[in-house]
Amino acid sequence: MSRQDQASPDASPAVDDQESPPPACVMSFNASDPSGAGGSAGDVATIAAMGAHALPVITAILMRDTAEVFDHHTLDGDCIVEQARSILEDVPVAAWKVGFLGSAEGIASVAEVLSDYPDVPLVAYLPSISWLDEEQQQSYLDAFRELVLPQTLVLVGNHKTLCDCLLPDWDADRPASPRELAVAAHQHGAAHVLVTGIGLPNQYLDNVLAGPQGAITGEKFERFEATFVGAGDTLSAALAALLSVGSEPHDAVGEALAFLDQSLEAGFRPGMGNVVPDRFFWALPPGEEGEEEGAEGAEPKPVGPTEELSMDEPPSRGPRRIH
């Protein structure tokens, strides 16, 4: 007998009596990542930690561990669309998060769904896809530029990854600026870019939200040495969750970067590969005596998001507390 069968006939569904509205819902289109570091698993954990509810739609299946991606299997476009439309007929969505969509066909299928909801904010994360062969990379980026960027409120990616996508013929002696990347993205229809991992002098990295008119906001952080996986999915999913409750992009970016940094600081190494962000750092028990912030003799904690926010090529990062 099921629990429902055992319930009292007089019991009313909890939803009928709830006084507060349900959490905002964020639909995530992303790959299944068995490491739990990124992909749909990372999105679900991040969105939940931010107080929203995730609606995960699987676009591909990754073959990977915590160190690298070995292969992937794409899902049929109709399968992707059916997953999304089944829940969209039931649940209102307040924001979208797009991650790795598997193939050009997957991108087209997701874009078809997005186009029916033009007023819902979209955060599009572009991970490094260097592990794909050259032809697959080219077709993926062509479809992404043509079909996803026109619907994007904020495009998120590492400086190099965004340059490769938006300015593939860049040959200047200096790196492209966030504004130049934003202008290129705007030509494809994206409103803003959040560029991460911009190298600065004195071992610092910059993370900048920019539009075609220039930089809007950003945070500079010290460069450290360690490797993480899932950072880009964490940042973009956190940003989508914040936009789902009506935050303005410039405010949401600052909070999302702070959330990422704390997730990385509490990161853990579940296997022999890289460190995974702990999105529920706020639920960890207090540290031992002398570890609390400001305690006498305690070393200062390093801060800042990563140099390379990508799914498969995690950044350089310094010593972090591993639990």
Protein backbone atom coordinates (compact mmCIF):
# COMPACT_ATOMS: atom_id res chain seq x y z
CA MET A 1 0.00 0.00 0.00
CA SER A 2 1.35 3.41 -0.92
CA ARG A 3 1.71 6.29 1.51
CA GLN A 4 -1.07 8.06 -0.35
CA ASP A 5 -3.34 5.07 0.19
CA GLN A 6 -2.50 5.07 3.88
CA ALA A 7 -3.24 8.79 4.31
CA SER A 8 -6.34 9.87 6.13
CA PRO A 9 -9.26 10.59 3.77
CA ASP A 10 -9.79 13.85 5.63
CA ALA A 11 -6.24 15.05 4.98
CA SER A 12 -6.08 17.95 2.54
CA PRO A 13 -3.10 18.47 0.22
CA ALA A 14 -0.55 20.77 1.81
CA VAL A 15 -0.60 23.01 -1.24
CA ASP A 16 -4.22 23.94 -0.57
CA ASP A 17 -3.34 25.42 2.79
CA GLN A 18 0.00 27.02 2.00
CA GLU A 19 0.09 30.72 2.76
CA SER A 20 3.24 31.62 0.87
CA PRO A 21 3.75 31.19 -2.88
CA PRO A 22 5.99 28.39 -4.17
CA PRO A 23 9.61 29.20 -5.07
CA ALA A 24 10.39 30.60 -8.49
CA CYS A 25 11.08 27.88 -11.05
CA VAL A 26 14.14 27.86 -13.30
CA MET A 27 14.31 25.51 -16.27
CA SER A 28 17.83 24.26 -16.94
CA PHE A 29 18.84 22.77 -20.28
CA ASN A 30 22.09 20.92 -19.69
CA ALA A 31 23.94 17.64 -20.00
CA SER A 32 23.86 14.84 -17.47
CA ASP A 33 27.20 14.94 -15.62
CA PRO A 34 27.88 11.78 -13.58
CA SER A 35 30.51 13.58 -11.48
CA GLY A 36 27.81 15.84 -10.04
CA ALA A 37 30.15 18.80 -10.46
CA GLY A 38 28.41 20.54 -13.33
CA GLY A 39 25.73 19.83 -15.88
CA SER A 40 22.18 19.26 -14.68
CA ALA A 41 23.30 17.97 -11.28
CA GLY A 42 25.27 21.16 -10.65
CA ASP A 43 22.37 23.30 -11.84
CA VAL A 44 19.86 21.57 -9.56
CA ALA A 45 22.11 21.95 -6.52
CA THR A 46 22.87 25.59 -7.25
CA ILE A 47 19.33 26.64 -8.01
CA ALA A 48 18.07 24.88 -4.88
CA ALA A 49 20.78 26.52 -2.76
CA MET A 50 19.65 29.89 -4.09
CA GLY A 51 16.09 29.23 -2.96
CA ALA A 52 14.52 28.52 -6.34
CA HIS A 53 13.22 25.28 -7.83
CA ALA A 54 15.03 23.61 -10.74
CA LEU A 55 13.30 22.02 -13.71
CA PRO A 56 16.16 20.06 -15.34
CA VAL A 57 15.95 19.06 -19.00
CA ILE A 58 18.68 16.68 -20.16
CA THR A 59 20.29 17.48 -23.52
CA ALA A 60 23.18 15.00 -23.61
CA ILE A 61 24.98 12.43 -21.48
CA LEU A 62 28.61 13.08 -20.62
CA MET A 63 31.18 10.36 -20.10
CA ARG A 64 33.52 12.01 -17.61
CA ASP A 65 35.11 11.97 -14.18
CA THR A 66 36.15 14.87 -11.98
CA ALA A 67 39.24 15.48 -14.14
CA GLU A 68 38.11 15.39 -17.77
CA VAL A 69 35.43 14.66 -20.35
CA PHE A 70 36.02 11.45 -22.33
CA ASP A 71 32.99 11.40 -24.62
CA HIS A 72 29.33 12.34 -24.82
CA HIS A 73 26.09 11.04 -26.27
CA THR A 74 23.51 13.48 -27.60
CA LEU A 75 19.77 13.13 -27.16
CA ASP A 76 17.34 13.32 -30.02
CA GLY A 77 15.94 16.83 -30.50
CA ASP A 78 12.35 15.64 -30.16
CA CYS A 79 13.23 14.03 -26.83
CA ILE A 80 14.64 17.32 -25.54
CA VAL A 81 11.56 19.28 -26.66
CA GLU A 82 9.15 16.73 -25.19
CA GLN A 83 10.89 16.88 -21.80
CA ALA A 84 10.56 20.65 -21.72
CA ARG A 85 7.03 20.98 -23.07
CA SER A 86 5.67 18.31 -20.72
CA ILE A 87 6.58 20.35 -17.65
CA LEU A 88 5.96 23.76 -19.22
CA GLU A 89 2.31 22.81 -19.69
CA ASP A 90 2.13 22.37 -15.93
CA VAL A 91 4.61 24.74 -14.26
CA PRO A 92 5.29 28.44 -14.97
CA VAL A 93 8.96 29.22 -15.53
CA ALA A 94 10.58 32.43 -14.23
CA ALA A 95 14.04 32.04 -15.83
CA TRP A 96 16.03 29.82 -18.16
CA LYS A 97 19.56 28.47 -17.76
CA VAL A 98 21.30 27.01 -20.81
CA GLY A 99 24.46 24.94 -20.46
CA PHE A 100 25.94 22.31 -22.80
CA LEU A 101 23.29 21.36 -25.36
CA GLY A 102 25.11 18.46 -26.97
CA SER A 103 24.96 19.32 -30.65
CA ALA A 104 23.66 21.78 -33.21
CA GLU A 105 20.43 19.75 -33.31
CA GLY A 106 20.11 20.06 -29.55
CA ILE A 107 20.63 23.81 -29.78
CA ALA A 108 17.91 24.10 -32.42
CA SER A 109 15.48 22.11 -30.27
CA VAL A 110 16.13 24.20 -27.16
CA ALA A 111 15.90 27.46 -29.14
CA GLU A 112 12.51 26.36 -30.44
CA VAL A 113 11.23 26.08 -26.87
CA LEU A 114 12.82 29.35 -25.72
CA SER A 115 11.28 31.28 -28.59
CA ASP A 116 7.78 30.65 -27.24
CA TYR A 117 8.60 32.51 -24.01
CA PRO A 118 10.39 35.72 -25.09
CA ASP A 119 9.73 37.53 -21.79
CA VAL A 120 11.47 34.93 -19.60
CA PRO A 121 15.11 35.92 -18.91
CA LEU A 122 17.75 33.58 -20.31
CA VAL A 123 21.24 33.02 -18.91
CA ALA A 124 23.34 31.19 -21.49
CA TYR A 125 26.58 29.60 -20.30
CA LEU A 126 29.13 28.74 -22.97
CA PRO A 127 31.56 26.12 -21.65
CA SER A 128 34.79 25.20 -23.32
CA ILE A 129 34.06 22.53 -25.94
CA SER A 130 37.68 21.91 -26.87
CA TRP A 131 37.20 18.17 -26.30
CA LEU A 132 34.90 18.00 -29.36
CA ASP A 133 36.43 17.54 -32.79
CA GLU A 134 36.86 20.64 -34.94
CA GLU A 135 33.80 20.03 -37.12
CA GLN A 136 31.56 19.47 -34.08
CA GLN A 137 32.91 22.60 -32.41
CA GLN A 138 32.23 24.71 -35.48
CA SER A 139 28.67 23.50 -36.00
CA TYR A 140 27.93 23.91 -32.29
CA LEU A 141 29.20 27.50 -32.16
CA ASP A 142 27.46 28.45 -35.42
CA ALA A 143 24.12 27.21 -34.08
CA PHE A 144 24.71 28.80 -30.68
CA ARG A 145 25.40 32.22 -32.23
CA GLU A 146 22.46 32.01 -34.60
CA LEU A 147 19.77 30.50 -32.37
CA VAL A 148 20.62 31.04 -28.67
CA LEU A 149 22.32 34.43 -28.54
CA PRO A 150 19.34 36.34 -30.03
CA GLN A 151 17.30 35.23 -27.01
CA THR A 152 19.99 35.75 -24.35
CA LEU A 153 19.87 38.32 -21.56
CA VAL A 154 23.30 37.40 -20.11
CA LEU A 155 25.94 35.32 -21.87
CA VAL A 156 28.41 33.82 -19.37
CA GLY A 157 31.82 32.42 -20.20
CA ASN A 158 35.54 32.51 -19.70
CA HIS A 159 37.38 35.25 -21.58
CA LYS A 160 39.14 32.83 -23.95
CA THR A 161 36.03 30.77 -24.62
CA LEU A 162 33.99 33.88 -25.44
CA CYS A 163 36.75 35.24 -27.68
CA ASP A 164 36.87 31.98 -29.62
CA CYS A 165 33.10 32.12 -30.12
CA LEU A 166 32.48 35.83 -30.68
CA LEU A 167 35.76 37.09 -32.14
CA PRO A 168 37.37 34.06 -33.83
CA ASP A 169 39.43 36.27 -36.17
CA TRP A 170 40.80 38.52 -33.41
CA ASP A 171 44.46 39.19 -34.19
CA ALA A 172 45.29 42.31 -32.17
CA ASP A 173 48.33 42.31 -29.91
CA ARG A 174 46.11 42.88 -26.87
CA PRO A 175 43.23 40.76 -25.55
CA ALA A 176 39.70 41.76 -26.50
CA SER A 177 38.02 43.90 -23.85
CA PRO A 178 34.71 42.98 -22.20
CA ARG A 179 33.09 45.83 -24.14
CA GLU A 180 34.38 44.45 -27.45
CA LEU A 181 33.02 41.03 -26.55
CA ALA A 182 29.71 42.62 -25.56
CA VAL A 183 29.52 44.48 -28.89
CA ALA A 184 30.15 41.23 -30.75
CA ALA A 185 27.54 39.40 -28.66
CA HIS A 186 25.05 42.24 -29.18
CA GLN A 187 25.44 41.89 -32.92
CA HIS A 188 24.01 38.41 -32.48
CA GLY A 189 21.26 39.67 -30.16
CA ALA A 190 22.62 39.08 -26.65
CA ALA A 191 22.03 41.96 -24.22
CA HIS A 192 24.99 41.45 -21.85
CA VAL A 193 28.10 39.34 -21.39
CA LEU A 194 29.60 38.23 -18.08
CA VAL A 195 33.26 37.68 -18.90
CA THR A 196 35.26 35.72 -16.34
CA GLY A 197 38.95 35.01 -15.87
CA ILE A 198 40.33 38.22 -17.41
CA GLY A 199 44.03 38.35 -16.60
CA LEU A 200 45.27 41.43 -14.74
CA PRO A 201 48.72 42.43 -13.44
CA ASN A 202 49.87 41.32 -10.00
CA GLN A 203 48.17 37.93 -10.08
CA TYR A 204 44.61 39.22 -10.21
CA LEU A 205 41.66 38.18 -12.33
CA ASP A 206 38.73 40.33 -13.36
CA ASN A 207 35.11 39.30 -13.88
CA VAL A 208 33.08 41.89 -15.76
CA LEU A 209 29.45 42.30 -16.74
CA ALA A 210 29.43 44.41 -19.90
CA GLY A 211 27.07 45.76 -22.51
CA PRO A 212 27.77 47.40 -25.85
CA GLN A 213 28.32 50.75 -24.10
CA GLY A 214 30.97 49.33 -21.79
CA ALA A 215 31.52 47.66 -18.43
CA ILE A 216 28.57 47.74 -16.02
CA THR A 217 29.92 46.03 -12.93
CA GLY A 218 32.51 43.47 -11.92
CA GLU A 219 34.73 42.01 -9.24
CA LYS A 220 38.50 41.55 -9.12
CA PHE A 221 39.94 38.56 -7.31
CA GLU A 222 43.35 37.17 -6.54
CA ARG A 223 44.62 34.31 -8.68
CA PHE A 224 45.24 31.03 -6.87
CA GLU A 225 46.56 27.59 -7.73
CA ALA A 226 44.10 24.70 -7.61
CA THR A 227 41.69 23.14 -10.06
CA PHE A 228 37.91 23.18 -9.95
CA VAL A 229 35.21 21.64 -12.10
CA GLY A 230 31.65 22.94 -12.39
CA ALA A 231 32.42 26.59 -11.62
CA GLY A 232 30.85 28.01 -14.78
CA ASP A 233 27.63 26.06 -14.36
CA THR A 234 27.49 27.20 -10.73
CA LEU A 235 27.89 30.88 -11.61
CA SER A 236 25.38 30.86 -14.44
CA ALA A 237 22.78 28.80 -12.54
CA ALA A 238 23.06 31.12 -9.54
CA LEU A 239 22.58 34.11 -11.83
CA ALA A 240 19.49 32.54 -13.42
CA ALA A 241 18.00 31.85 -9.98
CA LEU A 242 18.51 35.47 -8.96
CA LEU A 243 16.96 36.78 -12.17
CA SER A 244 13.97 34.48 -11.61
CA VAL A 245 12.94 36.56 -8.59
CA GLY A 246 13.26 39.87 -10.41
CA SER A 247 16.81 40.96 -9.58
CA GLU A 248 18.41 43.38 -12.02
CA PRO A 249 21.39 41.90 -13.91
CA HIS A 250 23.99 44.21 -12.33
CA ASP A 251 22.81 43.32 -8.82
CA ALA A 252 22.42 39.63 -9.59
CA VAL A 253 25.93 39.34 -11.02
CA GLY A 254 27.58 40.58 -7.82
CA GLU A 255 25.58 38.18 -5.69
CA ALA A 256 26.18 35.26 -8.05
CA LEU A 257 29.95 35.87 -8.02
CA ALA A 258 29.93 35.98 -4.21
CA PHE A 259 27.96 32.73 -4.11
CA LEU A 260 30.42 31.08 -6.47
CA ASP A 261 33.41 32.19 -4.42
CA GLN A 262 32.00 30.79 -1.21
CA SER A 263 31.04 27.55 -2.98
CA LEU A 264 34.63 27.17 -4.14
CA GLU A 265 36.06 28.05 -0.75
CA ALA A 266 34.02 25.23 0.75
CA GLY A 267 34.86 22.96 -2.19
CA PHE A 268 35.67 19.29 -1.73
CA ARG A 269 37.52 16.63 -3.71
CA PRO A 270 35.27 13.56 -4.04
CA GLY A 271 37.74 11.57 -6.10
CA MET A 272 41.21 11.75 -7.62
CA GLY A 273 40.44 14.65 -9.95
CA ASN A 274 39.45 18.24 -9.37
CA VAL A 275 37.65 20.08 -6.60
CA VAL A 276 33.84 20.32 -6.78
CA PRO A 277 32.02 23.45 -5.54
CA ASP A 278 29.94 22.97 -2.41
CA ARG A 279 26.77 24.91 -3.15
CA PHE A 280 25.48 24.25 0.36
CA PHE A 281 28.45 25.84 2.10
CA TRP A 282 26.04 27.80 4.28
CA ALA A 283 24.78 24.54 5.82
CA LEU A 284 28.24 23.35 6.89
CA PRO A 285 28.92 23.11 10.65
CA PRO A 286 31.06 25.91 12.14
CA GLY A 287 34.85 25.51 11.83
CA GLU A 288 37.12 24.52 14.65
CA GLU A 289 38.26 27.11 17.17
CA GLY A 290 40.76 29.41 15.50
CA GLU A 291 39.26 28.86 12.03
CA GLU A 292 36.45 31.36 12.37
CA GLU A 293 36.78 34.53 10.40
CA GLY A 294 38.69 37.10 12.39
CA ALA A 295 39.98 34.60 14.95
CA GLU A 296 43.39 35.45 16.36
CA GLY A 297 46.13 33.76 14.39
CA ALA A 298 43.77 32.56 11.66
CA GLU A 299 45.09 32.98 8.12
CA PRO A 300 42.96 35.13 5.79
CA LYS A 301 40.78 33.19 3.40
CA PRO A 302 41.49 33.62 -0.31
CA VAL A 303 38.56 34.95 -2.29
CA GLY A 304 37.35 35.14 -5.82
CA PRO A 305 35.91 33.14 -8.67
CA THR A 306 37.97 31.08 -11.01
CA GLU A 307 40.25 31.87 -13.86
CA GLU A 308 38.66 29.36 -16.22
CA LEU A 309 34.96 28.84 -15.64
CA SER A 310 34.45 25.91 -17.96
CA MET A 311 32.95 22.47 -17.80
CA ASP A 312 36.08 20.54 -18.69
CA GLU A 313 39.06 22.83 -18.27
CA PRO A 314 38.93 24.07 -14.67
CA PRO A 315 40.98 27.05 -13.60
CA SER A 316 44.13 27.71 -11.68
CA ARG A 317 43.25 28.29 -8.09
CA GLY A 318 45.04 28.51 -4.76
CA PRO A 319 44.78 26.40 -1.63
CA ARG A 320 41.20 26.03 -0.50
CA ARG A 321 39.68 24.37 2.54
CA ILE A 322 38.85 20.80 1.56
CA HIS A 323 36.44 18.94 3.80
